[in-house]
Amino acid sequence: MSYFKYIDNGSGPTKLFIGGVHGNEGYTSMKFLERINEDDLSSGQFYFYNFDKTPYISTIKKEYYETELGQKILGLIEYFEPDFYTELHCFNLKNYGKLTSMERYERTGIPPLIELGNHVLVSSVSPLIRMTYFSTETVCKTLEFPCLEKLTPEIVEEYGFNKDLAIKTYEDLLKLILKSPSREHFERQMLIDYADQVDLAVKYAKKVFGEDFPPY
């Protein structure tokens, strides 16, 4: 699953994509990274990383960024100074309710993930790095897909999970990030395609970062 790809697509924004952030997430994120082709891209510089399996430590805990991989990811962010930063995660579908409930905020101080549709979730990146490693102008997104290796027939049936629809939902937002030539374009298109999700993202950003901080 260890993977790196660089695409020089001319003058434009720098975009950094990270999969395999913790646990065995790289198994799922690799399935999406390998489907990306140059027709999906805006102009700019593209860096794609996918990491091997590591012990699972949540990125909302300071301990994560003290690990070898956490330090490596912070090093990549500091080195490339991306205009768009995207983490490709996955989650156990059994935890869908916990991840999307406001109890998450009450318990951890971190807002719940936002449902994009078809069991795909989205959020900003960890507050531990959002304000310290990026400018307010950086587009920072976390995309969450149900972990493929945990999708047993029983879980699929229990949650009414449609894999094909979920893939389309996930890739639609991923391709918007890939194709957007600027933050302004990304923001306009988000308001058109995902107005309800943007409203929630604004609400959650105010809770964590303050009144004037952008939701991505």
N, C-alpha and C. Protein backbone atom coordinates (compact mmCIF):
# COMPACT_ATOMS: atom_id res chain seq x y z
N MET A 1 0.81 -1.21 0.00
CA MET A 1 0.00 0.00 0.00
C MET A 1 0.84 1.27 0.00
N SER A 2 2.13 1.16 0.35
CA SER A 2 2.98 2.34 0.33
C SER A 2 3.06 2.87 -1.10
N TYR A 3 2.81 4.17 -1.26
CA TYR A 3 2.62 4.70 -2.60
C TYR A 3 2.96 6.18 -2.62
N PHE A 4 3.61 6.61 -3.69
CA PHE A 4 3.86 8.03 -3.90
C PHE A 4 3.74 8.33 -5.38
N LYS A 5 3.10 9.44 -5.70
CA LYS A 5 3.01 9.88 -7.08
C LYS A 5 3.06 11.39 -7.11
N TYR A 6 3.86 11.91 -8.03
CA TYR A 6 3.95 13.36 -8.24
C TYR A 6 3.55 13.66 -9.67
N ILE A 7 2.69 14.65 -9.83
CA ILE A 7 2.28 15.09 -11.17
C ILE A 7 2.54 16.58 -11.30
N ASP A 8 3.36 16.93 -12.24
CA ASP A 8 3.63 18.33 -12.57
C ASP A 8 2.64 18.73 -13.66
N ASN A 9 1.63 19.49 -13.28
CA ASN A 9 0.61 19.89 -14.24
C ASN A 9 0.65 21.40 -14.49
N GLY A 10 1.85 21.93 -14.43
CA GLY A 10 2.04 23.33 -14.77
C GLY A 10 1.82 24.28 -13.60
N SER A 11 1.65 25.53 -13.96
CA SER A 11 1.47 26.58 -12.96
C SER A 11 0.08 26.51 -12.35
N GLY A 12 0.02 26.59 -11.02
CA GLY A 12 -1.26 26.50 -10.34
C GLY A 12 -1.07 26.14 -8.90
N PRO A 13 -2.14 25.84 -8.19
CA PRO A 13 -2.04 25.53 -6.76
C PRO A 13 -1.29 24.23 -6.51
N THR A 14 -0.70 24.14 -5.32
CA THR A 14 -0.06 22.91 -4.85
C THR A 14 -1.08 22.12 -4.04
N LYS A 15 -1.24 20.84 -4.39
CA LYS A 15 -2.24 20.00 -3.72
C LYS A 15 -1.57 18.74 -3.17
N LEU A 16 -1.78 18.51 -1.88
CA LEU A 16 -1.20 17.37 -1.18
C LEU A 16 -2.32 16.46 -0.70
N PHE A 17 -2.23 15.16 -1.06
CA PHE A 17 -3.22 14.16 -0.69
C PHE A 17 -2.54 13.07 0.13
N ILE A 18 -3.12 12.75 1.28
CA ILE A 18 -2.53 11.76 2.19
C ILE A 18 -3.54 10.66 2.47
N GLY A 19 -3.18 9.41 2.21
CA GLY A 19 -3.97 8.26 2.59
C GLY A 19 -3.17 7.37 3.54
N GLY A 20 -3.85 6.47 4.21
CA GLY A 20 -3.15 5.61 5.15
C GLY A 20 -2.66 6.37 6.37
N VAL A 21 -3.49 7.28 6.86
CA VAL A 21 -3.09 8.16 7.96
C VAL A 21 -2.87 7.38 9.25
N HIS A 22 -3.72 6.39 9.49
CA HIS A 22 -3.56 5.55 10.68
C HIS A 22 -4.32 4.24 10.49
N GLY A 23 -3.89 3.25 11.29
CA GLY A 23 -4.50 1.93 11.15
C GLY A 23 -4.26 1.35 9.77
N ASN A 24 -5.28 0.67 9.25
CA ASN A 24 -5.18 0.03 7.93
C ASN A 24 -5.94 0.84 6.87
N GLU A 25 -6.06 2.14 7.08
CA GLU A 25 -6.84 2.97 6.17
C GLU A 25 -6.26 3.00 4.76
N GLY A 26 -4.96 2.76 4.65
CA GLY A 26 -4.33 2.80 3.34
C GLY A 26 -4.90 1.78 2.36
N TYR A 27 -5.46 0.69 2.88
CA TYR A 27 -6.06 -0.32 2.00
C TYR A 27 -7.23 0.28 1.22
N THR A 28 -8.06 1.08 1.91
CA THR A 28 -9.22 1.70 1.27
C THR A 28 -8.82 2.92 0.45
N SER A 29 -7.99 3.79 1.01
CA SER A 29 -7.64 5.03 0.29
C SER A 29 -6.90 4.73 -1.00
N MET A 30 -6.12 3.65 -1.04
CA MET A 30 -5.38 3.31 -2.25
C MET A 30 -6.33 3.02 -3.40
N LYS A 31 -7.50 2.46 -3.10
CA LYS A 31 -8.46 2.14 -4.16
C LYS A 31 -8.91 3.41 -4.89
N PHE A 32 -8.95 4.53 -4.17
CA PHE A 32 -9.36 5.79 -4.78
C PHE A 32 -8.18 6.50 -5.44
N LEU A 33 -7.02 6.46 -4.82
CA LEU A 33 -5.86 7.13 -5.39
C LEU A 33 -5.48 6.53 -6.74
N GLU A 34 -5.59 5.22 -6.86
CA GLU A 34 -5.17 4.59 -8.11
C GLU A 34 -6.16 4.82 -9.25
N ARG A 35 -7.34 5.34 -8.95
CA ARG A 35 -8.34 5.63 -9.98
C ARG A 35 -8.21 7.06 -10.52
N ILE A 36 -7.38 7.87 -9.89
CA ILE A 36 -7.21 9.25 -10.33
C ILE A 36 -6.38 9.28 -11.61
N ASN A 37 -6.82 10.05 -12.60
CA ASN A 37 -6.03 10.22 -13.81
C ASN A 37 -5.88 11.71 -14.11
N GLU A 38 -5.04 12.04 -15.06
CA GLU A 38 -4.70 13.43 -15.29
C GLU A 38 -5.87 14.25 -15.83
N ASP A 39 -6.89 13.60 -16.36
CA ASP A 39 -8.08 14.33 -16.80
C ASP A 39 -8.86 14.89 -15.61
N ASP A 40 -8.60 14.36 -14.41
CA ASP A 40 -9.30 14.81 -13.20
C ASP A 40 -8.67 16.06 -12.61
N LEU A 41 -7.55 16.52 -13.13
CA LEU A 41 -6.73 17.52 -12.43
C LEU A 41 -6.88 18.93 -13.00
N SER A 42 -6.78 19.90 -12.12
CA SER A 42 -6.58 21.29 -12.52
C SER A 42 -5.12 21.45 -12.91
N SER A 43 -4.73 22.64 -13.30
CA SER A 43 -3.30 22.92 -13.40
C SER A 43 -2.72 22.97 -11.99
N GLY A 44 -1.42 22.79 -11.88
CA GLY A 44 -0.78 22.86 -10.57
C GLY A 44 0.14 21.69 -10.30
N GLN A 45 0.58 21.61 -9.06
CA GLN A 45 1.49 20.56 -8.60
C GLN A 45 0.75 19.62 -7.65
N PHE A 46 0.84 18.32 -7.94
CA PHE A 46 0.07 17.31 -7.20
C PHE A 46 1.00 16.29 -6.55
N TYR A 47 0.77 16.04 -5.26
CA TYR A 47 1.55 15.07 -4.51
C TYR A 47 0.59 14.10 -3.82
N PHE A 48 0.76 12.82 -4.11
CA PHE A 48 -0.11 11.79 -3.55
C PHE A 48 0.73 10.81 -2.72
N TYR A 49 0.36 10.63 -1.47
CA TYR A 49 1.04 9.68 -0.59
C TYR A 49 0.01 8.73 0.00
N ASN A 50 0.39 7.46 0.09
CA ASN A 50 -0.44 6.48 0.78
C ASN A 50 0.50 5.62 1.62
N PHE A 51 0.19 5.48 2.91
CA PHE A 51 1.12 4.84 3.83
C PHE A 51 0.66 3.45 4.25
N ASP A 52 1.64 2.65 4.64
CA ASP A 52 1.39 1.29 5.11
C ASP A 52 0.66 1.30 6.45
N LYS A 53 0.20 0.15 6.85
CA LYS A 53 -0.53 -0.01 8.10
C LYS A 53 0.32 0.39 9.29
N THR A 54 -0.28 1.15 10.20
CA THR A 54 0.36 1.56 11.44
C THR A 54 -0.62 1.38 12.59
N PRO A 55 -0.15 1.41 13.83
CA PRO A 55 -1.10 1.37 14.95
C PRO A 55 -2.08 2.54 14.86
N TYR A 56 -3.32 2.27 15.25
CA TYR A 56 -4.34 3.33 15.15
C TYR A 56 -4.26 4.26 16.35
N ILE A 57 -3.99 5.51 16.08
CA ILE A 57 -4.07 6.59 17.08
C ILE A 57 -4.87 7.71 16.43
N SER A 58 -5.87 8.21 17.09
CA SER A 58 -6.72 9.23 16.50
C SER A 58 -5.94 10.52 16.24
N THR A 59 -6.25 11.18 15.14
CA THR A 59 -5.59 12.44 14.81
C THR A 59 -6.11 13.60 15.65
N ILE A 60 -7.10 13.37 16.49
CA ILE A 60 -7.53 14.43 17.40
C ILE A 60 -6.79 14.34 18.73
N LYS A 61 -5.83 13.40 18.81
CA LYS A 61 -4.98 13.28 20.00
C LYS A 61 -3.58 13.77 19.68
N LYS A 62 -2.99 14.53 20.58
CA LYS A 62 -1.64 15.06 20.36
C LYS A 62 -0.64 13.94 20.13
N GLU A 63 -0.90 12.79 20.73
CA GLU A 63 0.05 11.67 20.61
C GLU A 63 0.26 11.24 19.17
N TYR A 64 -0.78 11.43 18.34
CA TYR A 64 -0.63 11.00 16.94
C TYR A 64 0.52 11.73 16.27
N TYR A 65 0.61 13.02 16.49
CA TYR A 65 1.62 13.82 15.81
C TYR A 65 3.01 13.69 16.44
N GLU A 66 3.10 12.86 17.46
CA GLU A 66 4.40 12.52 18.04
C GLU A 66 4.92 11.20 17.48
N THR A 67 4.09 10.48 16.73
CA THR A 67 4.51 9.21 16.13
C THR A 67 5.39 9.47 14.91
N GLU A 68 6.06 8.42 14.45
CA GLU A 68 6.92 8.56 13.27
C GLU A 68 6.12 9.02 12.06
N LEU A 69 4.95 8.41 11.83
CA LEU A 69 4.15 8.79 10.68
C LEU A 69 3.56 10.19 10.86
N GLY A 70 3.10 10.50 12.06
CA GLY A 70 2.57 11.83 12.32
C GLY A 70 3.62 12.90 12.03
N GLN A 71 4.84 12.66 12.46
CA GLN A 71 5.93 13.60 12.20
C GLN A 71 6.23 13.70 10.70
N LYS A 72 6.14 12.57 10.01
CA LYS A 72 6.39 12.57 8.56
C LYS A 72 5.33 13.41 7.83
N ILE A 73 4.08 13.26 8.22
CA ILE A 73 3.01 14.03 7.58
C ILE A 73 3.18 15.52 7.85
N LEU A 74 3.51 15.88 9.09
CA LEU A 74 3.75 17.29 9.39
C LEU A 74 4.93 17.83 8.57
N GLY A 75 5.94 16.99 8.38
CA GLY A 75 7.08 17.40 7.57
C GLY A 75 6.69 17.66 6.11
N LEU A 76 5.81 16.82 5.58
CA LEU A 76 5.34 17.01 4.20
C LEU A 76 4.53 18.31 4.08
N ILE A 77 3.70 18.57 5.07
CA ILE A 77 2.90 19.81 5.05
C ILE A 77 3.82 21.04 5.09
N GLU A 78 4.82 20.99 5.97
CA GLU A 78 5.72 22.13 6.09
C GLU A 78 6.57 22.31 4.82
N TYR A 79 6.94 21.21 4.21
CA TYR A 79 7.81 21.28 3.03
C TYR A 79 7.05 21.79 1.81
N PHE A 80 5.86 21.24 1.55
CA PHE A 80 5.13 21.58 0.34
C PHE A 80 4.27 22.84 0.49
N GLU A 81 3.90 23.19 1.72
CA GLU A 81 3.02 24.33 1.95
C GLU A 81 1.83 24.32 0.98
N PRO A 82 1.01 23.28 1.04
CA PRO A 82 -0.04 23.11 0.02
C PRO A 82 -1.13 24.16 0.10
N ASP A 83 -1.71 24.47 -1.05
CA ASP A 83 -2.90 25.31 -1.11
C ASP A 83 -4.16 24.49 -0.86
N PHE A 84 -4.09 23.20 -1.19
CA PHE A 84 -5.17 22.24 -0.90
C PHE A 84 -4.53 21.07 -0.16
N TYR A 85 -5.10 20.72 0.99
CA TYR A 85 -4.60 19.57 1.75
C TYR A 85 -5.78 18.64 2.02
N THR A 86 -5.66 17.38 1.61
CA THR A 86 -6.77 16.43 1.72
C THR A 86 -6.29 15.13 2.35
N GLU A 87 -6.99 14.69 3.40
CA GLU A 87 -6.73 13.39 4.01
C GLU A 87 -7.84 12.43 3.60
N LEU A 88 -7.44 11.26 3.09
CA LEU A 88 -8.37 10.22 2.70
C LEU A 88 -8.41 9.16 3.79
N HIS A 89 -9.50 9.17 4.55
CA HIS A 89 -9.66 8.25 5.68
C HIS A 89 -10.72 7.20 5.35
N CYS A 90 -10.82 6.22 6.25
CA CYS A 90 -11.98 5.33 6.24
C CYS A 90 -12.41 5.07 7.67
N PHE A 91 -13.64 4.57 7.83
CA PHE A 91 -14.18 4.34 9.17
C PHE A 91 -15.00 3.06 9.16
N ASN A 92 -15.11 2.47 10.34
CA ASN A 92 -15.95 1.29 10.51
C ASN A 92 -17.42 1.72 10.46
N LEU A 93 -18.16 1.18 9.52
CA LEU A 93 -19.56 1.58 9.35
C LEU A 93 -20.37 1.41 10.64
N LYS A 94 -19.93 0.50 11.51
CA LYS A 94 -20.60 0.32 12.80
C LYS A 94 -20.56 1.59 13.64
N ASN A 95 -19.57 2.46 13.38
CA ASN A 95 -19.40 3.68 14.18
C ASN A 95 -20.06 4.90 13.54
N TYR A 96 -20.83 4.67 12.51
CA TYR A 96 -21.44 5.79 11.77
C TYR A 96 -22.22 6.73 12.70
N GLY A 97 -23.04 6.16 13.57
CA GLY A 97 -23.85 6.97 14.47
C GLY A 97 -23.01 7.80 15.42
N LYS A 98 -21.96 7.20 15.98
CA LYS A 98 -21.10 7.93 16.92
C LYS A 98 -20.36 9.07 16.24
N LEU A 99 -19.93 8.85 15.01
CA LEU A 99 -19.14 9.86 14.31
C LEU A 99 -19.98 11.05 13.86
N THR A 100 -21.28 10.85 13.67
CA THR A 100 -22.13 11.91 13.15
C THR A 100 -23.02 12.53 14.23
N SER A 101 -22.84 12.13 15.48
CA SER A 101 -23.66 12.63 16.58
C SER A 101 -22.99 13.82 17.26
N MET A 102 -23.80 14.76 17.76
CA MET A 102 -23.25 15.88 18.51
C MET A 102 -22.64 15.43 19.84
N GLU A 103 -22.90 14.20 20.24
CA GLU A 103 -22.24 13.67 21.44
C GLU A 103 -20.73 13.66 21.27
N ARG A 104 -20.28 13.56 20.03
CA ARG A 104 -18.84 13.60 19.77
C ARG A 104 -18.25 14.94 20.21
N TYR A 105 -18.96 16.00 19.93
CA TYR A 105 -18.49 17.33 20.33
C TYR A 105 -18.51 17.46 21.85
N GLU A 106 -19.57 16.98 22.47
CA GLU A 106 -19.70 17.07 23.92
C GLU A 106 -18.62 16.24 24.63
N ARG A 107 -18.23 15.15 23.99
CA ARG A 107 -17.25 14.24 24.60
C ARG A 107 -15.81 14.66 24.34
N THR A 108 -15.53 15.18 23.13
CA THR A 108 -14.14 15.43 22.74
C THR A 108 -13.83 16.89 22.41
N GLY A 109 -14.87 17.71 22.23
CA GLY A 109 -14.66 19.07 21.77
C GLY A 109 -14.46 19.18 20.28
N ILE A 110 -14.58 18.07 19.57
CA ILE A 110 -14.45 18.03 18.12
C ILE A 110 -15.84 17.81 17.52
N PRO A 111 -16.27 18.65 16.59
CA PRO A 111 -17.60 18.48 16.00
C PRO A 111 -17.74 17.15 15.29
N PRO A 112 -18.97 16.69 15.11
CA PRO A 112 -19.19 15.44 14.38
C PRO A 112 -18.81 15.58 12.91
N LEU A 113 -18.58 14.44 12.28
CA LEU A 113 -18.39 14.42 10.84
C LEU A 113 -19.74 14.71 10.15
N ILE A 114 -19.66 15.23 8.96
CA ILE A 114 -20.86 15.64 8.22
C ILE A 114 -21.15 14.61 7.14
N GLU A 115 -22.43 14.19 7.08
CA GLU A 115 -22.82 13.21 6.06
C GLU A 115 -22.90 13.89 4.69
N LEU A 116 -22.12 13.36 3.77
CA LEU A 116 -22.17 13.86 2.39
C LEU A 116 -23.28 13.18 1.61
N GLY A 117 -23.60 11.95 2.04
CA GLY A 117 -24.59 11.12 1.36
C GLY A 117 -24.04 9.73 1.17
N ASN A 118 -24.92 8.72 1.19
CA ASN A 118 -24.54 7.33 0.92
C ASN A 118 -23.42 6.84 1.85
N HIS A 119 -23.51 7.26 3.13
CA HIS A 119 -22.57 6.84 4.17
C HIS A 119 -21.15 7.37 3.97
N VAL A 120 -20.98 8.37 3.16
CA VAL A 120 -19.69 9.06 3.02
C VAL A 120 -19.71 10.28 3.93
N LEU A 121 -18.62 10.50 4.65
CA LEU A 121 -18.54 11.58 5.62
C LEU A 121 -17.43 12.55 5.25
N VAL A 122 -17.57 13.79 5.74
CA VAL A 122 -16.59 14.82 5.41
C VAL A 122 -16.42 15.74 6.61
N SER A 123 -15.24 16.34 6.73
CA SER A 123 -14.98 17.32 7.77
C SER A 123 -13.76 18.13 7.38
N SER A 124 -13.37 19.05 8.24
CA SER A 124 -12.07 19.68 8.10
C SER A 124 -11.03 18.70 8.61
N VAL A 125 -9.78 19.12 8.72
CA VAL A 125 -8.74 18.27 9.29
C VAL A 125 -8.67 18.51 10.79
N SER A 126 -7.84 17.75 11.47
CA SER A 126 -7.73 17.85 12.93
C SER A 126 -7.47 19.30 13.36
N PRO A 127 -8.24 19.79 14.33
CA PRO A 127 -7.97 21.14 14.85
C PRO A 127 -6.55 21.30 15.41
N LEU A 128 -5.91 20.19 15.76
CA LEU A 128 -4.55 20.26 16.29
C LEU A 128 -3.57 20.79 15.26
N ILE A 129 -3.90 20.63 13.98
CA ILE A 129 -2.98 21.12 12.94
C ILE A 129 -3.59 22.20 12.06
N ARG A 130 -4.93 22.33 12.06
CA ARG A 130 -5.56 23.27 11.12
C ARG A 130 -5.08 24.70 11.32
N MET A 131 -4.95 25.14 12.55
CA MET A 131 -4.61 26.54 12.80
C MET A 131 -3.11 26.79 12.91
N THR A 132 -2.34 25.72 13.04
CA THR A 132 -0.90 25.90 13.26
C THR A 132 -0.04 25.55 12.06
N TYR A 133 -0.53 24.70 11.15
CA TYR A 133 0.27 24.28 10.00
C TYR A 133 -0.26 24.78 8.67
N PHE A 134 -1.39 25.48 8.69
CA PHE A 134 -1.99 25.98 7.46
C PHE A 134 -2.43 27.43 7.64
N SER A 135 -2.50 28.15 6.54
CA SER A 135 -3.08 29.48 6.58
C SER A 135 -4.60 29.35 6.49
N THR A 136 -5.30 30.44 6.76
CA THR A 136 -6.76 30.41 6.64
C THR A 136 -7.18 30.20 5.19
N GLU A 137 -6.30 30.48 4.24
CA GLU A 137 -6.63 30.34 2.82
C GLU A 137 -6.47 28.91 2.30
N THR A 138 -5.80 28.06 3.05
CA THR A 138 -5.62 26.67 2.62
C THR A 138 -6.96 25.93 2.67
N VAL A 139 -7.26 25.18 1.63
CA VAL A 139 -8.45 24.32 1.64
C VAL A 139 -8.06 23.00 2.29
N CYS A 140 -8.64 22.72 3.45
CA CYS A 140 -8.32 21.50 4.20
C CYS A 140 -9.56 20.64 4.32
N LYS A 141 -9.49 19.41 3.81
CA LYS A 141 -10.63 18.52 3.88
C LYS A 141 -10.22 17.12 4.31
N THR A 142 -11.10 16.50 5.07
CA THR A 142 -11.01 15.08 5.40
C THR A 142 -12.18 14.38 4.73
N LEU A 143 -11.90 13.34 3.96
CA LEU A 143 -12.93 12.53 3.33
C LEU A 143 -12.93 11.14 3.97
N GLU A 144 -14.11 10.66 4.32
CA GLU A 144 -14.22 9.38 5.03
C GLU A 144 -15.14 8.43 4.26
N PHE A 145 -14.59 7.25 3.93
CA PHE A 145 -15.34 6.19 3.25
C PHE A 145 -15.38 4.98 4.18
N PRO A 146 -16.47 4.22 4.22
CA PRO A 146 -16.46 2.99 5.03
C PRO A 146 -15.30 2.07 4.65
N CYS A 147 -14.56 1.61 5.65
CA CYS A 147 -13.39 0.76 5.39
C CYS A 147 -13.81 -0.51 4.65
N LEU A 148 -13.19 -0.74 3.52
CA LEU A 148 -13.62 -1.83 2.64
C LEU A 148 -13.48 -3.19 3.29
N GLU A 149 -12.38 -3.41 4.04
CA GLU A 149 -12.15 -4.74 4.59
C GLU A 149 -13.09 -5.07 5.74
N LYS A 150 -13.85 -4.07 6.22
CA LYS A 150 -14.78 -4.30 7.32
C LYS A 150 -16.23 -4.37 6.84
N LEU A 151 -16.43 -4.31 5.54
CA LEU A 151 -17.78 -4.35 4.99
C LEU A 151 -18.25 -5.79 4.80
N THR A 152 -18.67 -6.41 5.90
CA THR A 152 -19.21 -7.76 5.81
C THR A 152 -20.62 -7.72 5.23
N PRO A 153 -21.09 -8.82 4.67
CA PRO A 153 -22.47 -8.83 4.15
C PRO A 153 -23.50 -8.43 5.21
N GLU A 154 -23.25 -8.80 6.45
CA GLU A 154 -24.19 -8.47 7.53
C GLU A 154 -24.25 -6.96 7.77
N ILE A 155 -23.08 -6.31 7.78
CA ILE A 155 -23.04 -4.86 7.99
C ILE A 155 -23.65 -4.12 6.81
N VAL A 156 -23.34 -4.57 5.60
CA VAL A 156 -23.91 -3.96 4.41
C VAL A 156 -25.43 -4.00 4.46
N GLU A 157 -25.96 -5.14 4.85
CA GLU A 157 -27.42 -5.28 4.91
C GLU A 157 -28.01 -4.44 6.04
N GLU A 158 -27.35 -4.45 7.20
CA GLU A 158 -27.87 -3.72 8.36
C GLU A 158 -27.96 -2.22 8.08
N TYR A 159 -26.96 -1.67 7.39
CA TYR A 159 -26.92 -0.22 7.17
C TYR A 159 -27.44 0.18 5.78
N GLY A 160 -27.85 -0.79 4.99
CA GLY A 160 -28.35 -0.48 3.66
C GLY A 160 -27.29 0.19 2.81
N PHE A 161 -26.06 -0.31 2.92
CA PHE A 161 -24.93 0.33 2.25
C PHE A 161 -24.88 -0.05 0.77
N ASN A 162 -24.82 0.97 -0.08
CA ASN A 162 -24.71 0.76 -1.53
C ASN A 162 -23.32 1.21 -1.95
N LYS A 163 -22.44 0.27 -2.22
CA LYS A 163 -21.04 0.58 -2.50
C LYS A 163 -20.88 1.46 -3.73
N ASP A 164 -21.62 1.18 -4.80
CA ASP A 164 -21.47 1.95 -6.03
C ASP A 164 -21.87 3.41 -5.82
N LEU A 165 -22.98 3.63 -5.12
CA LEU A 165 -23.41 5.00 -4.84
C LEU A 165 -22.42 5.72 -3.93
N ALA A 166 -21.89 4.98 -2.96
CA ALA A 166 -20.92 5.58 -2.04
C ALA A 166 -19.65 5.99 -2.77
N ILE A 167 -19.19 5.14 -3.67
CA ILE A 167 -17.98 5.47 -4.45
C ILE A 167 -18.21 6.73 -5.26
N LYS A 168 -19.37 6.83 -5.90
CA LYS A 168 -19.66 8.03 -6.70
C LYS A 168 -19.70 9.28 -5.82
N THR A 169 -20.34 9.18 -4.66
CA THR A 169 -20.42 10.32 -3.75
C THR A 169 -19.03 10.77 -3.31
N TYR A 170 -18.21 9.82 -2.94
CA TYR A 170 -16.84 10.11 -2.47
C TYR A 170 -16.02 10.73 -3.60
N GLU A 171 -16.09 10.12 -4.76
CA GLU A 171 -15.26 10.59 -5.88
C GLU A 171 -15.74 11.92 -6.43
N ASP A 172 -17.02 12.23 -6.31
CA ASP A 172 -17.49 13.53 -6.77
C ASP A 172 -16.81 14.66 -6.01
N LEU A 173 -16.72 14.52 -4.68
CA LEU A 173 -16.06 15.57 -3.90
C LEU A 173 -14.55 15.53 -4.10
N LEU A 174 -13.98 14.34 -4.18
CA LEU A 174 -12.55 14.23 -4.42
C LEU A 174 -12.18 14.90 -5.75
N LYS A 175 -13.00 14.69 -6.78
CA LYS A 175 -12.70 15.28 -8.09
C LYS A 175 -12.90 16.80 -8.07
N LEU A 176 -13.82 17.29 -7.24
CA LEU A 176 -13.95 18.74 -7.11
C LEU A 176 -12.67 19.33 -6.54
N ILE A 177 -12.10 18.67 -5.55
CA ILE A 177 -10.83 19.14 -4.98
C ILE A 177 -9.72 19.06 -6.02
N LEU A 178 -9.67 17.97 -6.75
CA LEU A 178 -8.64 17.79 -7.77
C LEU A 178 -8.75 18.83 -8.88
N LYS A 179 -9.96 19.16 -9.27
CA LYS A 179 -10.17 20.03 -10.44
C LYS A 179 -10.17 21.52 -10.11
N SER A 180 -10.41 21.87 -8.86
CA SER A 180 -10.57 23.28 -8.52
C SER A 180 -9.28 24.06 -8.74
N PRO A 181 -9.32 25.12 -9.53
CA PRO A 181 -8.11 25.90 -9.80
C PRO A 181 -7.78 26.89 -8.69
N SER A 182 -8.73 27.08 -7.74
CA SER A 182 -8.51 28.06 -6.68
C SER A 182 -9.47 27.78 -5.53
N ARG A 183 -9.18 28.39 -4.39
CA ARG A 183 -10.08 28.29 -3.25
C ARG A 183 -11.45 28.90 -3.59
N GLU A 184 -11.45 30.02 -4.30
CA GLU A 184 -12.69 30.69 -4.64
C GLU A 184 -13.60 29.79 -5.47
N HIS A 185 -13.02 29.09 -6.43
CA HIS A 185 -13.81 28.16 -7.25
C HIS A 185 -14.36 27.03 -6.39
N PHE A 186 -13.53 26.49 -5.52
CA PHE A 186 -13.96 25.40 -4.64
C PHE A 186 -15.13 25.85 -3.77
N GLU A 187 -15.02 27.03 -3.18
CA GLU A 187 -16.08 27.53 -2.30
C GLU A 187 -17.39 27.72 -3.07
N ARG A 188 -17.32 28.31 -4.24
CA ARG A 188 -18.54 28.52 -5.04
C ARG A 188 -19.22 27.20 -5.38
N GLN A 189 -18.42 26.22 -5.79
CA GLN A 189 -19.00 24.94 -6.19
C GLN A 189 -19.56 24.18 -5.00
N MET A 190 -18.90 24.29 -3.85
CA MET A 190 -19.43 23.65 -2.64
C MET A 190 -20.81 24.20 -2.30
N LEU A 191 -20.98 25.52 -2.43
CA LEU A 191 -22.28 26.12 -2.13
C LEU A 191 -23.36 25.66 -3.10
N ILE A 192 -22.96 25.36 -4.32
CA ILE A 192 -23.92 24.86 -5.32
C ILE A 192 -24.25 23.39 -5.07
N ASP A 193 -23.24 22.58 -4.86
CA ASP A 193 -23.42 21.13 -4.81
C ASP A 193 -23.75 20.59 -3.41
N TYR A 194 -23.29 21.29 -2.36
CA TYR A 194 -23.39 20.75 -1.01
C TYR A 194 -23.82 21.84 -0.01
N ALA A 195 -24.89 22.57 -0.34
CA ALA A 195 -25.29 23.72 0.47
C ALA A 195 -25.57 23.34 1.93
N ASP A 196 -26.27 22.23 2.16
CA ASP A 196 -26.60 21.82 3.53
C ASP A 196 -25.34 21.47 4.32
N GLN A 197 -24.42 20.79 3.65
CA GLN A 197 -23.18 20.41 4.32
C GLN A 197 -22.33 21.64 4.64
N VAL A 198 -22.34 22.62 3.74
CA VAL A 198 -21.60 23.86 3.99
C VAL A 198 -22.17 24.59 5.20
N ASP A 199 -23.49 24.63 5.32
CA ASP A 199 -24.12 25.28 6.48
C ASP A 199 -23.65 24.65 7.78
N LEU A 200 -23.60 23.32 7.81
CA LEU A 200 -23.12 22.63 9.01
C LEU A 200 -21.64 22.89 9.25
N ALA A 201 -20.86 22.88 8.17
CA ALA A 201 -19.42 23.10 8.31
C ALA A 201 -19.13 24.49 8.87
N VAL A 202 -19.90 25.49 8.44
CA VAL A 202 -19.74 26.85 8.98
C VAL A 202 -20.07 26.87 10.47
N LYS A 203 -21.15 26.22 10.83
CA LYS A 203 -21.56 26.15 12.23
C LYS A 203 -20.47 25.49 13.09
N TYR A 204 -19.92 24.39 12.61
CA TYR A 204 -18.90 23.67 13.37
C TYR A 204 -17.59 24.45 13.44
N ALA A 205 -17.23 25.12 12.35
CA ALA A 205 -16.00 25.92 12.35
C ALA A 205 -16.08 27.03 13.39
N LYS A 206 -17.23 27.64 13.54
CA LYS A 206 -17.40 28.69 14.54
C LYS A 206 -17.22 28.13 15.95
N LYS A 207 -17.71 26.92 16.17
CA LYS A 207 -17.56 26.30 17.49
C LYS A 207 -16.09 26.09 17.86
N VAL A 208 -15.30 25.67 16.88
CA VAL A 208 -13.92 25.27 17.16
C VAL A 208 -12.92 26.40 16.95
N PHE A 209 -13.10 27.14 15.85
CA PHE A 209 -12.07 28.10 15.44
C PHE A 209 -12.46 29.56 15.64
N GLY A 210 -13.75 29.82 15.87
CA GLY A 210 -14.18 31.21 16.02
C GLY A 210 -15.02 31.69 14.85
N GLU A 211 -15.56 32.89 14.99
CA GLU A 211 -16.54 33.42 14.06
C GLU A 211 -16.06 33.56 12.62
N ASP A 212 -14.81 33.95 12.44
CA ASP A 212 -14.34 34.33 11.10
C ASP A 212 -13.51 33.27 10.40
N PHE A 213 -13.40 32.07 10.97
CA PHE A 213 -12.56 31.05 10.37
C PHE A 213 -13.35 30.29 9.30
N PRO A 214 -12.74 30.02 8.14
CA PRO A 214 -13.48 29.34 7.06
C PRO A 214 -13.76 27.88 7.41
N PRO A 215 -14.81 27.30 6.81
CA PRO A 215 -15.18 25.92 7.15
C PRO A 215 -14.35 24.86 6.47
N TYR A 216 -13.40 25.24 5.61
CA TYR A 216 -12.55 24.24 4.96
C TYR A 216 -11.09 24.67 5.11
